[in-house]
Amino acid sequence: MSSSPLPVCRCEKETRVIISWTSKNPGRRFAVCAEGCCGYWAWIDEEMCRRATEIIPGLLRKINATEKDRDEYEEIARRNERKLYDVSANLVIKSVFVLVLMKYLLISFY
């Protein structure tokens, strides 16, 4: 990565940095006109080696798939937590009912 200051565009404005996530230039930074008025853009980072451009897209796909799986598992966990809460609440209600019934039966028996 370059440590030099950002270039100035053709309209003498500051540029802003954007990161390319295309398969040909994954993670490569470039500068564009911050105002978008002059159409200026220039690479900040040097071109990546062929090996990096082959490996990075696959790694990004794996990361995205892993994050999607994580989100799905978190949703399943939330649903299961709600079900567990419902079952627990139902069990408490039934337990109270049984206790009241037992007390009634004991009072009626004596």
PDB file of N, CA and C in Angstrom:
ATOM      1  N   MET A   1       0.828  -1.178   0.000  1.00  0.00           N
ATOM      2  CA  MET A   1       0.000   0.000   0.000  1.00  0.00           C
ATOM      3  C   MET A   1       0.872   1.241   0.000  1.00  0.00           C
ATOM      4  N   SER A   2       0.388   2.235  -0.677  1.00  0.00           N
ATOM      5  CA  SER A   2       1.139   3.479  -0.787  1.00  0.00           C
ATOM      6  C   SER A   2       0.914   4.334   0.453  1.00  0.00           C
ATOM      7  N   SER A   3       1.987   4.992   0.911  1.00  0.00           N
ATOM      8  CA  SER A   3       1.856   5.882   2.061  1.00  0.00           C
ATOM      9  C   SER A   3       1.889   7.341   1.629  1.00  0.00           C
ATOM     10  N   SER A   4       1.920   7.599   0.336  1.00  0.00           N
ATOM     11  CA  SER A   4       1.960   8.972  -0.164  1.00  0.00           C
ATOM     12  C   SER A   4       0.572   9.602  -0.032  1.00  0.00           C
ATOM     13  N   PRO A   5       0.525  10.957  -0.022  1.00  0.00           N
ATOM     14  CA  PRO A   5      -0.775  11.624   0.107  1.00  0.00           C
ATOM     15  C   PRO A   5      -1.657  11.331  -1.103  1.00  0.00           C
ATOM     16  N   LEU A   6      -2.950  11.494  -0.903  1.00  0.00           N
ATOM     17  CA  LEU A   6      -3.887  11.239  -1.995  1.00  0.00           C
ATOM     18  C   LEU A   6      -3.701  12.263  -3.106  1.00  0.00           C
ATOM     19  N   PRO A   7      -3.901  11.843  -4.345  1.00  0.00           N
ATOM     20  CA  PRO A   7      -3.761  12.787  -5.456  1.00  0.00           C
ATOM     21  C   PRO A   7      -4.901  13.809  -5.453  1.00  0.00           C
ATOM     22  N   VAL A   8      -4.672  14.894  -6.157  1.00  0.00           N
ATOM     23  CA  VAL A   8      -5.698  15.916  -6.348  1.00  0.00           C
ATOM     24  C   VAL A   8      -6.281  15.681  -7.732  1.00  0.00           C
ATOM     25  N   CYS A   9      -7.593  15.818  -7.858  1.00  0.00           N
ATOM     26  CA  CYS A   9      -8.232  15.545  -9.152  1.00  0.00           C
ATOM     27  C   CYS A   9      -8.059  16.721 -10.114  1.00  0.00           C
ATOM     28  N   ARG A  10      -8.622  16.579 -11.315  1.00  0.00           N
ATOM     29  CA  ARG A  10      -8.482  17.600 -12.357  1.00  0.00           C
ATOM     30  C   ARG A  10      -9.157  18.922 -11.990  1.00  0.00           C
ATOM     31  N   CYS A  11     -10.179  18.863 -11.138  1.00  0.00           N
ATOM     32  CA  CYS A  11     -10.850  20.113 -10.743  1.00  0.00           C
ATOM     33  C   CYS A  11     -10.276  20.666  -9.438  1.00  0.00           C
ATOM     34  N   GLU A  12      -9.054  20.173  -9.089  1.00  0.00           N
ATOM     35  CA  GLU A  12      -8.312  20.664  -7.922  1.00  0.00           C
ATOM     36  C   GLU A  12      -9.022  20.382  -6.594  1.00  0.00           C
ATOM     37  N   LYS A  13      -9.865  19.360  -6.574  1.00  0.00           N
ATOM     38  CA  LYS A  13     -10.565  18.973  -5.345  1.00  0.00           C
ATOM     39  C   LYS A  13      -9.840  17.789  -4.716  1.00  0.00           C
ATOM     40  N   GLU A  14     -10.151  17.562  -3.442  1.00  0.00           N
ATOM     41  CA  GLU A  14      -9.624  16.373  -2.770  1.00  0.00           C
ATOM     42  C   GLU A  14     -10.225  15.130  -3.399  1.00  0.00           C
ATOM     43  N   THR A  15      -9.471  14.077  -3.383  1.00  0.00           N
ATOM     44  CA  THR A  15     -10.014  12.807  -3.862  1.00  0.00           C
ATOM     45  C   THR A  15     -10.428  11.964  -2.663  1.00  0.00           C
ATOM     46  N   ARG A  16     -11.255  10.966  -2.928  1.00  0.00           N
ATOM     47  CA  ARG A  16     -11.617  10.023  -1.871  1.00  0.00           C
ATOM     48  C   ARG A  16     -11.227   8.629  -2.320  1.00  0.00           C
ATOM     49  N   VAL A  17     -11.022   7.760  -1.348  1.00  0.00           N
ATOM     50  CA  VAL A  17     -10.539   6.407  -1.624  1.00  0.00           C
ATOM     51  C   VAL A  17     -11.716   5.446  -1.703  1.00  0.00           C
ATOM     52  N   ILE A  18     -11.675   4.596  -2.704  1.00  0.00           N
ATOM     53  CA  ILE A  18     -12.650   3.519  -2.869  1.00  0.00           C
ATOM     54  C   ILE A  18     -11.850   2.229  -3.006  1.00  0.00           C
ATOM     55  N   ILE A  19     -12.427   1.153  -2.527  1.00  0.00           N
ATOM     56  CA  ILE A  19     -11.759  -0.147  -2.632  1.00  0.00           C
ATOM     57  C   ILE A  19     -12.495  -0.991  -3.660  1.00  0.00           C
ATOM     58  N   SER A  20     -11.757  -1.499  -4.607  1.00  0.00           N
ATOM     59  CA  SER A  20     -12.316  -2.372  -5.637  1.00  0.00           C
ATOM     60  C   SER A  20     -12.493  -3.778  -5.071  1.00  0.00           C
ATOM     61  N   TRP A  21     -13.652  -4.377  -5.333  1.00  0.00           N
ATOM     62  CA  TRP A  21     -13.871  -5.775  -4.935  1.00  0.00           C
ATOM     63  C   TRP A  21     -14.189  -6.631  -6.153  1.00  0.00           C
ATOM     64  N   THR A  22     -13.699  -6.208  -7.319  1.00  0.00           N
ATOM     65  CA  THR A  22     -13.874  -7.025  -8.514  1.00  0.00           C
ATOM     66  C   THR A  22     -12.937  -8.224  -8.437  1.00  0.00           C
ATOM     67  N   SER A  23     -13.215  -9.244  -9.229  1.00  0.00           N
ATOM     68  CA  SER A  23     -12.353 -10.431  -9.192  1.00  0.00           C
ATOM     69  C   SER A  23     -10.961 -10.126  -9.750  1.00  0.00           C
ATOM     70  N   LYS A  24     -10.850  -9.126 -10.618  1.00  0.00           N
ATOM     71  CA  LYS A  24      -9.544  -8.790 -11.181  1.00  0.00           C
ATOM     72  C   LYS A  24      -8.705  -7.934 -10.223  1.00  0.00           C
ATOM     73  N   ASN A  25      -9.357  -7.106  -9.409  1.00  0.00           N
ATOM     74  CA  ASN A  25      -8.641  -6.193  -8.505  1.00  0.00           C
ATOM     75  C   ASN A  25      -9.219  -6.236  -7.088  1.00  0.00           C
ATOM     76  N   PRO A  26      -9.267  -7.394  -6.463  1.00  0.00           N
ATOM     77  CA  PRO A  26      -9.887  -7.475  -5.135  1.00  0.00           C
ATOM     78  C   PRO A  26      -9.066  -6.755  -4.070  1.00  0.00           C
ATOM     79  N   GLY A  27      -9.719  -5.832  -3.358  1.00  0.00           N
ATOM     80  CA  GLY A  27      -9.050  -5.120  -2.281  1.00  0.00           C
ATOM     81  C   GLY A  27      -8.112  -4.013  -2.728  1.00  0.00           C
ATOM     82  N   ARG A  28      -8.077  -3.740  -4.010  1.00  0.00           N
ATOM     83  CA  ARG A  28      -7.161  -2.709  -4.523  1.00  0.00           C
ATOM     84  C   ARG A  28      -7.820  -1.332  -4.398  1.00  0.00           C
ATOM     85  N   ARG A  29      -7.082  -0.383  -3.820  1.00  0.00           N
ATOM     86  CA  ARG A  29      -7.623   0.954  -3.589  1.00  0.00           C
ATOM     87  C   ARG A  29      -7.395   1.857  -4.801  1.00  0.00           C
ATOM     88  N   PHE A  30      -8.384   2.747  -5.029  1.00  0.00           N
ATOM     89  CA  PHE A  30      -8.216   3.772  -6.051  1.00  0.00           C
ATOM     90  C   PHE A  30      -8.855   5.074  -5.569  1.00  0.00           C
ATOM     91  N   ALA A  31      -8.406   6.183  -6.148  1.00  0.00           N
ATOM     92  CA  ALA A  31      -8.902   7.506  -5.771  1.00  0.00           C
ATOM     93  C   ALA A  31      -9.825   8.023  -6.859  1.00  0.00           C
ATOM     94  N   VAL A  32     -10.885   8.713  -6.430  1.00  0.00           N
ATOM     95  CA  VAL A  32     -11.819   9.342  -7.369  1.00  0.00           C
ATOM     96  C   VAL A  32     -12.074  10.771  -6.910  1.00  0.00           C
ATOM     97  N   CYS A  33     -12.549  11.587  -7.817  1.00  0.00           N
ATOM     98  CA  CYS A  33     -12.925  12.958  -7.477  1.00  0.00           C
ATOM     99  C   CYS A  33     -14.021  12.898  -6.417  1.00  0.00           C
ATOM    100  N   ALA A  34     -13.809  13.575  -5.296  1.00  0.00           N
ATOM    101  CA  ALA A  34     -14.779  13.546  -4.196  1.00  0.00           C
ATOM    102  C   ALA A  34     -16.098  14.195  -4.595  1.00  0.00           C
ATOM    103  N   GLU A  35     -16.044  15.158  -5.497  1.00  0.00           N
ATOM    104  CA  GLU A  35     -17.256  15.843  -5.953  1.00  0.00           C
ATOM    105  C   GLU A  35     -17.930  15.080  -7.094  1.00  0.00           C
ATOM    106  N   GLY A  36     -17.168  14.227  -7.761  1.00  0.00           N
ATOM    107  CA  GLY A  36     -17.709  13.474  -8.893  1.00  0.00           C
ATOM    108  C   GLY A  36     -17.922  14.313 -10.135  1.00  0.00           C
ATOM    109  N   CYS A  37     -17.289  15.470 -10.197  1.00  0.00           N
ATOM    110  CA  CYS A  37     -17.567  16.373 -11.318  1.00  0.00           C
ATOM    111  C   CYS A  37     -16.600  16.245 -12.492  1.00  0.00           C
ATOM    112  N   CYS A  38     -15.382  15.766 -12.248  1.00  0.00           N
ATOM    113  CA  CYS A  38     -14.414  15.747 -13.353  1.00  0.00           C
ATOM    114  C   CYS A  38     -14.124  14.337 -13.885  1.00  0.00           C
ATOM    115  N   GLY A  39     -14.662  13.313 -13.238  1.00  0.00           N
ATOM    116  CA  GLY A  39     -14.460  11.946 -13.714  1.00  0.00           C
ATOM    117  C   GLY A  39     -13.085  11.372 -13.418  1.00  0.00           C
ATOM    118  N   TYR A  40     -12.315  12.048 -12.585  1.00  0.00           N
ATOM    119  CA  TYR A  40     -10.959  11.592 -12.265  1.00  0.00           C
ATOM    120  C   TYR A  40     -10.996  10.303 -11.453  1.00  0.00           C
ATOM    121  N   TRP A  41     -10.073   9.396 -11.788  1.00  0.00           N
ATOM    122  CA  TRP A  41      -9.801   8.229 -10.941  1.00  0.00           C
ATOM    123  C   TRP A  41      -8.398   7.751 -11.238  1.00  0.00           C
ATOM    124  N   ALA A  42      -7.749   7.200 -10.214  1.00  0.00           N
ATOM    125  CA  ALA A  42      -6.389   6.675 -10.376  1.00  0.00           C
ATOM    126  C   ALA A  42      -6.152   5.606  -9.317  1.00  0.00           C
ATOM    127  N   TRP A  43      -5.415   4.581  -9.707  1.00  0.00           N
ATOM    128  CA  TRP A  43      -5.065   3.539  -8.742  1.00  0.00           C
ATOM    129  C   TRP A  43      -4.138   4.107  -7.679  1.00  0.00           C
ATOM    130  N   ILE A  44      -4.343   3.707  -6.441  1.00  0.00           N
ATOM    131  CA  ILE A  44      -3.438   4.066  -5.350  1.00  0.00           C
ATOM    132  C   ILE A  44      -2.462   2.917  -5.127  1.00  0.00           C
ATOM    133  N   ASP A  45      -2.994   1.710  -5.114  1.00  0.00           N
ATOM    134  CA  ASP A  45      -2.172   0.520  -4.886  1.00  0.00           C
ATOM    135  C   ASP A  45      -1.640  -0.025  -6.200  1.00  0.00           C
ATOM    136  N   GLU A  46      -0.489  -0.657  -6.106  1.00  0.00           N
ATOM    137  CA  GLU A  46       0.074  -1.344  -7.267  1.00  0.00           C
ATOM    138  C   GLU A  46      -0.819  -2.539  -7.612  1.00  0.00           C
ATOM    139  N   GLU A  47      -0.710  -2.987  -8.853  1.00  0.00           N
ATOM    140  CA  GLU A  47      -1.459  -4.166  -9.273  1.00  0.00           C
ATOM    141  C   GLU A  47      -0.990  -5.373  -8.465  1.00  0.00           C
ATOM    142  N   MET A  48      -1.939  -6.223  -8.096  1.00  0.00           N
ATOM    143  CA  MET A  48      -1.594  -7.415  -7.312  1.00  0.00           C
ATOM    144  C   MET A  48      -1.028  -8.495  -8.219  1.00  0.00           C
ATOM    145  N   CYS A  49      -0.278  -9.384  -7.605  1.00  0.00           N
ATOM    146  CA  CYS A  49       0.267 -10.498  -8.381  1.00  0.00           C
ATOM    147  C   CYS A  49      -0.874 -11.437  -8.791  1.00  0.00           C
ATOM    148  N   ARG A  50      -0.635 -12.221  -9.813  1.00  0.00           N
ATOM    149  CA  ARG A  50      -1.645 -13.124 -10.351  1.00  0.00           C
ATOM    150  C   ARG A  50      -2.166 -14.076  -9.285  1.00  0.00           C
ATOM    151  N   ARG A  51      -1.288 -14.583  -8.453  1.00  0.00           N
ATOM    152  CA  ARG A  51      -1.678 -15.541  -7.402  1.00  0.00           C
ATOM    153  C   ARG A  51      -2.691 -14.920  -6.434  1.00  0.00           C
ATOM    154  N   ALA A  52      -2.447 -13.665  -6.041  1.00  0.00           N
ATOM    155  CA  ALA A  52      -3.368 -12.984  -5.123  1.00  0.00           C
ATOM    156  C   ALA A  52      -4.735 -12.792  -5.771  1.00  0.00           C
ATOM    157  N   THR A  53      -4.750 -12.413  -7.052  1.00  0.00           N
ATOM    158  CA  THR A  53      -6.038 -12.203  -7.718  1.00  0.00           C
ATOM    159  C   THR A  53      -6.780 -13.510  -7.944  1.00  0.00           C
ATOM    160  N   GLU A  54      -6.076 -14.634  -7.910  1.00  0.00           N
ATOM    161  CA  GLU A  54      -6.740 -15.937  -8.012  1.00  0.00           C
ATOM    162  C   GLU A  54      -7.275 -16.389  -6.654  1.00  0.00           C
ATOM    163  N   ILE A  55      -6.538 -16.116  -5.587  1.00  0.00           N
ATOM    164  CA  ILE A  55      -6.890 -16.625  -4.260  1.00  0.00           C
ATOM    165  C   ILE A  55      -7.938 -15.762  -3.556  1.00  0.00           C
ATOM    166  N   ILE A  56      -7.795 -14.445  -3.608  1.00  0.00           N
ATOM    167  CA  ILE A  56      -8.649 -13.553  -2.825  1.00  0.00           C
ATOM    168  C   ILE A  56     -10.139 -13.715  -3.141  1.00  0.00           C
ATOM    169  N   PRO A  57     -10.576 -13.776  -4.404  1.00  0.00           N
ATOM    170  CA  PRO A  57     -12.015 -13.939  -4.646  1.00  0.00           C
ATOM    171  C   PRO A  57     -12.593 -15.209  -4.005  1.00  0.00           C
ATOM    172  N   GLY A  58     -11.842 -16.301  -4.049  1.00  0.00           N
ATOM    173  CA  GLY A  58     -12.310 -17.535  -3.411  1.00  0.00           C
ATOM    174  C   GLY A  58     -12.416 -17.382  -1.907  1.00  0.00           C
ATOM    175  N   LEU A  59     -11.439 -16.712  -1.308  1.00  0.00           N
ATOM    176  CA  LEU A  59     -11.483 -16.471   0.137  1.00  0.00           C
ATOM    177  C   LEU A  59     -12.676 -15.588   0.500  1.00  0.00           C
ATOM    178  N   LEU A  60     -12.938 -14.568  -0.308  1.00  0.00           N
ATOM    179  CA  LEU A  60     -14.085 -13.698  -0.048  1.00  0.00           C
ATOM    180  C   LEU A  60     -15.395 -14.469  -0.152  1.00  0.00           C
ATOM    181  N   ARG A  61     -15.504 -15.367  -1.137  1.00  0.00           N
ATOM    182  CA  ARG A  61     -16.716 -16.190  -1.255  1.00  0.00           C
ATOM    183  C   ARG A  61     -16.895 -17.058  -0.018  1.00  0.00           C
ATOM    184  N   LYS A  62     -15.782 -17.653   0.462  1.00  0.00           N
ATOM    185  CA  LYS A  62     -15.859 -18.489   1.667  1.00  0.00           C
ATOM    186  C   LYS A  62     -16.273 -17.669   2.882  1.00  0.00           C
ATOM    187  N   ILE A  63     -15.719 -16.474   3.020  1.00  0.00           N
ATOM    188  CA  ILE A  63     -16.092 -15.604   4.143  1.00  0.00           C
ATOM    189  C   ILE A  63     -17.580 -15.260   4.062  1.00  0.00           C
ATOM    190  N   ASN A  64     -18.042 -14.878   2.876  1.00  0.00           N
ATOM    191  CA  ASN A  64     -19.453 -14.525   2.709  1.00  0.00           C
ATOM    192  C   ASN A  64     -20.356 -15.709   3.022  1.00  0.00           C
ATOM    193  N   ALA A  65     -19.980 -16.905   2.568  1.00  0.00           N
ATOM    194  CA  ALA A  65     -20.779 -18.103   2.848  1.00  0.00           C
ATOM    195  C   ALA A  65     -20.789 -18.404   4.342  1.00  0.00           C
ATOM    196  N   THR A  66     -19.645 -18.243   4.993  1.00  0.00           N
ATOM    197  CA  THR A  66     -19.559 -18.485   6.434  1.00  0.00           C
ATOM    198  C   THR A  66     -20.422 -17.486   7.197  1.00  0.00           C
ATOM    199  N   GLU A  67     -20.387 -16.222   6.789  1.00  0.00           N
ATOM    200  CA  GLU A  67     -21.209 -15.211   7.450  1.00  0.00           C
ATOM    201  C   GLU A  67     -22.692 -15.493   7.241  1.00  0.00           C
ATOM    202  N   LYS A  68     -23.057 -15.954   6.051  1.00  0.00           N
ATOM    203  CA  LYS A  68     -24.454 -16.302   5.782  1.00  0.00           C
ATOM    204  C   LYS A  68     -24.875 -17.474   6.665  1.00  0.00           C
ATOM    205  N   ASP A  69     -24.028 -18.495   6.759  1.00  0.00           N
ATOM    206  CA  ASP A  69     -24.323 -19.638   7.632  1.00  0.00           C
ATOM    207  C   ASP A  69     -24.487 -19.183   9.079  1.00  0.00           C
ATOM    208  N   ARG A  70     -23.570 -18.314   9.531  1.00  0.00           N
ATOM    209  CA  ARG A  70     -23.649 -17.805  10.907  1.00  0.00           C
ATOM    210  C   ARG A  70     -24.975 -17.096  11.150  1.00  0.00           C
ATOM    211  N   ASP A  71     -25.388 -16.256  10.202  1.00  0.00           N
ATOM    212  CA  ASP A  71     -26.653 -15.535  10.345  1.00  0.00           C
ATOM    213  C   ASP A  71     -27.830 -16.500  10.412  1.00  0.00           C
ATOM    214  N   GLU A  72     -27.791 -17.549   9.577  1.00  0.00           N
ATOM    215  CA  GLU A  72     -28.869 -18.541   9.599  1.00  0.00           C
ATOM    216  C   GLU A  72     -28.897 -19.283  10.931  1.00  0.00           C
ATOM    217  N   TYR A  73     -27.729 -19.659  11.453  1.00  0.00           N
ATOM    218  CA  TYR A  73     -27.674 -20.361  12.740  1.00  0.00           C
ATOM    219  C   TYR A  73     -28.129 -19.461  13.882  1.00  0.00           C
ATOM    220  N   GLU A  74     -27.799 -18.182  13.807  1.00  0.00           N
ATOM    221  CA  GLU A  74     -28.262 -17.250  14.836  1.00  0.00           C
ATOM    222  C   GLU A  74     -29.779 -17.140  14.818  1.00  0.00           C
ATOM    223  N   GLU A  75     -30.378 -17.126  13.622  1.00  0.00           N
ATOM    224  CA  GLU A  75     -31.842 -17.073  13.517  1.00  0.00           C
ATOM    225  C   GLU A  75     -32.462 -18.352  14.077  1.00  0.00           C
ATOM    226  N   ILE A  76     -31.874 -19.495  13.772  1.00  0.00           N
ATOM    227  CA  ILE A  76     -32.368 -20.764  14.325  1.00  0.00           C
ATOM    228  C   ILE A  76     -32.272 -20.737  15.846  1.00  0.00           C
ATOM    229  N   ALA A  77     -31.170 -20.230  16.377  1.00  0.00           N
ATOM    230  CA  ALA A  77     -30.994 -20.145  17.832  1.00  0.00           C
ATOM    231  C   ALA A  77     -32.053 -19.234  18.446  1.00  0.00           C
ATOM    232  N   ARG A  78     -32.363 -18.101  17.793  1.00  0.00           N
ATOM    233  CA  ARG A  78     -33.405 -17.200  18.310  1.00  0.00           C
ATOM    234  C   ARG A  78     -34.766 -17.887  18.322  1.00  0.00           C
ATOM    235  N   ARG A  79     -35.081 -18.604  17.239  1.00  0.00           N
ATOM    236  CA  ARG A  79     -36.366 -19.318  17.193  1.00  0.00           C
ATOM    237  C   ARG A  79     -36.434 -20.373  18.281  1.00  0.00           C
ATOM    238  N   ASN A  80     -35.343 -21.128  18.459  1.00  0.00           N
ATOM    239  CA  ASN A  80     -35.321 -22.164  19.494  1.00  0.00           C
ATOM    240  C   ASN A  80     -35.438 -21.553  20.890  1.00  0.00           C
ATOM    241  N   GLU A  81     -34.827 -20.409  21.086  1.00  0.00           N
ATOM    242  CA  GLU A  81     -34.921 -19.729  22.382  1.00  0.00           C
ATOM    243  C   GLU A  81     -36.366 -19.321  22.667  1.00  0.00           C
ATOM    244  N   ARG A  82     -37.064 -18.813  21.640  1.00  0.00           N
ATOM    245  CA  ARG A  82     -38.478 -18.453  21.817  1.00  0.00           C
ATOM    246  C   ARG A  82     -39.314 -19.687  22.131  1.00  0.00           C
ATOM    247  N   LYS A  83     -39.035 -20.792  21.425  1.00  0.00           N
ATOM    248  CA  LYS A  83     -39.769 -22.036  21.695  1.00  0.00           C
ATOM    249  C   LYS A  83     -39.519 -22.506  23.121  1.00  0.00           C
ATOM    250  N   LEU A  84     -38.273 -22.447  23.558  1.00  0.00           N
ATOM    251  CA  LEU A  84     -37.933 -22.866  24.917  1.00  0.00           C
ATOM    252  C   LEU A  84     -38.655 -22.001  25.944  1.00  0.00           C
ATOM    253  N   TYR A  85     -38.717 -20.713  25.698  1.00  0.00           N
ATOM    254  CA  TYR A  85     -39.433 -19.814  26.601  1.00  0.00           C
ATOM    255  C   TYR A  85     -40.909 -20.197  26.657  1.00  0.00           C
ATOM    256  N   ASP A  86     -41.515 -20.446  25.485  1.00  0.00           N
ATOM    257  CA  ASP A  86     -42.929 -20.828  25.443  1.00  0.00           C
ATOM    258  C   ASP A  86     -43.175 -22.131  26.191  1.00  0.00           C
ATOM    259  N   VAL A  87     -42.302 -23.115  25.982  1.00  0.00           N
ATOM    260  CA  VAL A  87     -42.447 -24.405  26.669  1.00  0.00           C
ATOM    261  C   VAL A  87     -42.288 -24.213  28.175  1.00  0.00           C
ATOM    262  N   SER A  88     -41.323 -23.404  28.590  1.00  0.00           N
ATOM    263  CA  SER A  88     -41.100 -23.149  30.019  1.00  0.00           C
ATOM    264  C   SER A  88     -42.316 -22.471  30.641  1.00  0.00           C
ATOM    265  N   ALA A  89     -42.856 -21.473  29.963  1.00  0.00           N
ATOM    266  CA  ALA A  89     -44.037 -20.776  30.475  1.00  0.00           C
ATOM    267  C   ALA A  89     -45.213 -21.736  30.580  1.00  0.00           C
ATOM    268  N   ASN A  90     -45.376 -22.579  29.589  1.00  0.00           N
ATOM    269  CA  ASN A  90     -46.454 -23.568  29.596  1.00  0.00           C
ATOM    270  C   ASN A  90     -46.274 -24.538  30.756  1.00  0.00           C
ATOM    271  N   LEU A  91     -45.047 -24.955  31.004  1.00  0.00           N
ATOM    272  CA  LEU A  91     -44.755 -25.876  32.102  1.00  0.00           C
ATOM    273  C   LEU A  91     -45.063 -25.233  33.455  1.00  0.00           C
ATOM    274  N   VAL A  92     -44.742 -23.974  33.612  1.00  0.00           N
ATOM    275  CA  VAL A  92     -45.042 -23.267  34.864  1.00  0.00           C
ATOM    276  C   VAL A  92     -46.552 -23.210  35.082  1.00  0.00           C
ATOM    277  N   ILE A  93     -47.288 -22.879  34.043  1.00  0.00           N
ATOM    278  CA  ILE A  93     -48.753 -22.813  34.155  1.00  0.00           C
ATOM    279  C   ILE A  93     -49.319 -24.170  34.547  1.00  0.00           C
ATOM    280  N   LYS A  94     -48.850 -25.218  33.895  1.00  0.00           N
ATOM    281  CA  LYS A  94     -49.341 -26.564  34.222  1.00  0.00           C
ATOM    282  C   LYS A  94     -48.957 -26.964  35.638  1.00  0.00           C
ATOM    283  N   SER A  95     -47.765 -26.598  36.073  1.00  0.00           N
ATOM    284  CA  SER A  95     -47.327 -26.927  37.437  1.00  0.00           C
ATOM    285  C   SER A  95     -48.208 -26.237  38.465  1.00  0.00           C
ATOM    286  N   VAL A  96     -48.512 -24.971  38.237  1.00  0.00           N
ATOM    287  CA  VAL A  96     -49.395 -24.241  39.155  1.00  0.00           C
ATOM    288  C   VAL A  96     -50.769 -24.893  39.172  1.00  0.00           C
ATOM    289  N   PHE A  97     -51.277 -25.268  38.016  1.00  0.00           N
ATOM    290  CA  PHE A  97     -52.583 -25.930  37.938  1.00  0.00           C
ATOM    291  C   PHE A  97     -52.578 -27.228  38.740  1.00  0.00           C
ATOM    292  N   VAL A  98     -51.532 -28.029  38.593  1.00  0.00           N
ATOM    293  CA  VAL A  98     -51.436 -29.300  39.327  1.00  0.00           C
ATOM    294  C   VAL A  98     -51.383 -29.038  40.830  1.00  0.00           C
ATOM    295  N   LEU A  99     -50.627 -28.054  41.258  1.00  0.00           N
ATOM    296  CA  LEU A  99     -50.540 -27.730  42.685  1.00  0.00           C
ATOM    297  C   LEU A  99     -51.893 -27.290  43.240  1.00  0.00           C
ATOM    298  N   VAL A 100     -52.594 -26.448  42.502  1.00  0.00           N
ATOM    299  CA  VAL A 100     -53.925 -26.007  42.936  1.00  0.00           C
ATOM    300  C   VAL A 100     -54.875 -27.192  42.993  1.00  0.00           C
ATOM    301  N   LEU A 101     -54.821 -28.051  41.996  1.00  0.00           N
ATOM    302  CA  LEU A 101     -55.683 -29.233  41.966  1.00  0.00           C
ATOM    303  C   LEU A 101     -55.374 -30.159  43.134  1.00  0.00           C
ATOM    304  N   MET A 102     -54.091 -30.371  43.423  1.00  0.00           N
ATOM    305  CA  MET A 102     -53.709 -31.237  44.547  1.00  0.00           C
ATOM    306  C   MET A 102     -54.204 -30.642  45.864  1.00  0.00           C
ATOM    307  N   LYS A 103     -54.065 -29.337  46.017  1.00  0.00           N
ATOM    308  CA  LYS A 103     -54.537 -28.694  47.245  1.00  0.00           C
ATOM    309  C   LYS A 103     -56.045 -28.859  47.369  1.00  0.00           C
ATOM    310  N   TYR A 104     -56.769 -28.668  46.284  1.00  0.00           N
ATOM    311  CA  TYR A 104     -58.220 -28.827  46.292  1.00  0.00           C
ATOM    312  C   TYR A 104     -58.596 -30.255  46.662  1.00  0.00           C
ATOM    313  N   LEU A 105     -57.895 -31.228  46.071  1.00  0.00           N
ATOM    314  CA  LEU A 105     -58.197 -32.631  46.365  1.00  0.00           C
ATOM    315  C   LEU A 105     -57.890 -32.966  47.816  1.00  0.00           C
ATOM    316  N   LEU A 106     -56.799 -32.440  48.345  1.00  0.00           N
ATOM    317  CA  LEU A 106     -56.458 -32.688  49.747  1.00  0.00           C
ATOM    318  C   LEU A 106     -57.497 -32.081  50.683  1.00  0.00           C
ATOM    319  N   ILE A 107     -57.963 -30.884  50.369  1.00  0.00           N
ATOM    320  CA  ILE A 107     -58.986 -30.241  51.195  1.00  0.00           C
ATOM    321  C   ILE A 107     -60.287 -31.024  51.106  1.00  0.00           C
ATOM    322  N   SER A 108     -60.630 -31.474  49.896  1.00  0.00           N
ATOM    323  CA  SER A 108     -61.871 -32.227  49.702  1.00  0.00           C
ATOM    324  C   SER A 108     -61.800 -33.587  50.367  1.00  0.00           C
ATOM    325  N   PHE A 109     -60.643 -34.175  50.431  1.00  0.00           N
ATOM    326  CA  PHE A 109     -60.480 -35.519  50.982  1.00  0.00           C
ATOM    327  C   PHE A 109     -60.656 -35.516  52.491  1.00  0.00           C
ATOM    328  N   TYR A 110     -60.216 -34.475  53.155  1.00  0.00           N
ATOM    329  CA  TYR A 110     -60.292 -34.436  54.623  1.00  0.00           C
ATOM    330  C   TYR A 110     -61.491 -33.729  55.055  1.00  0.00           C
TER     331      TYR A 110
END
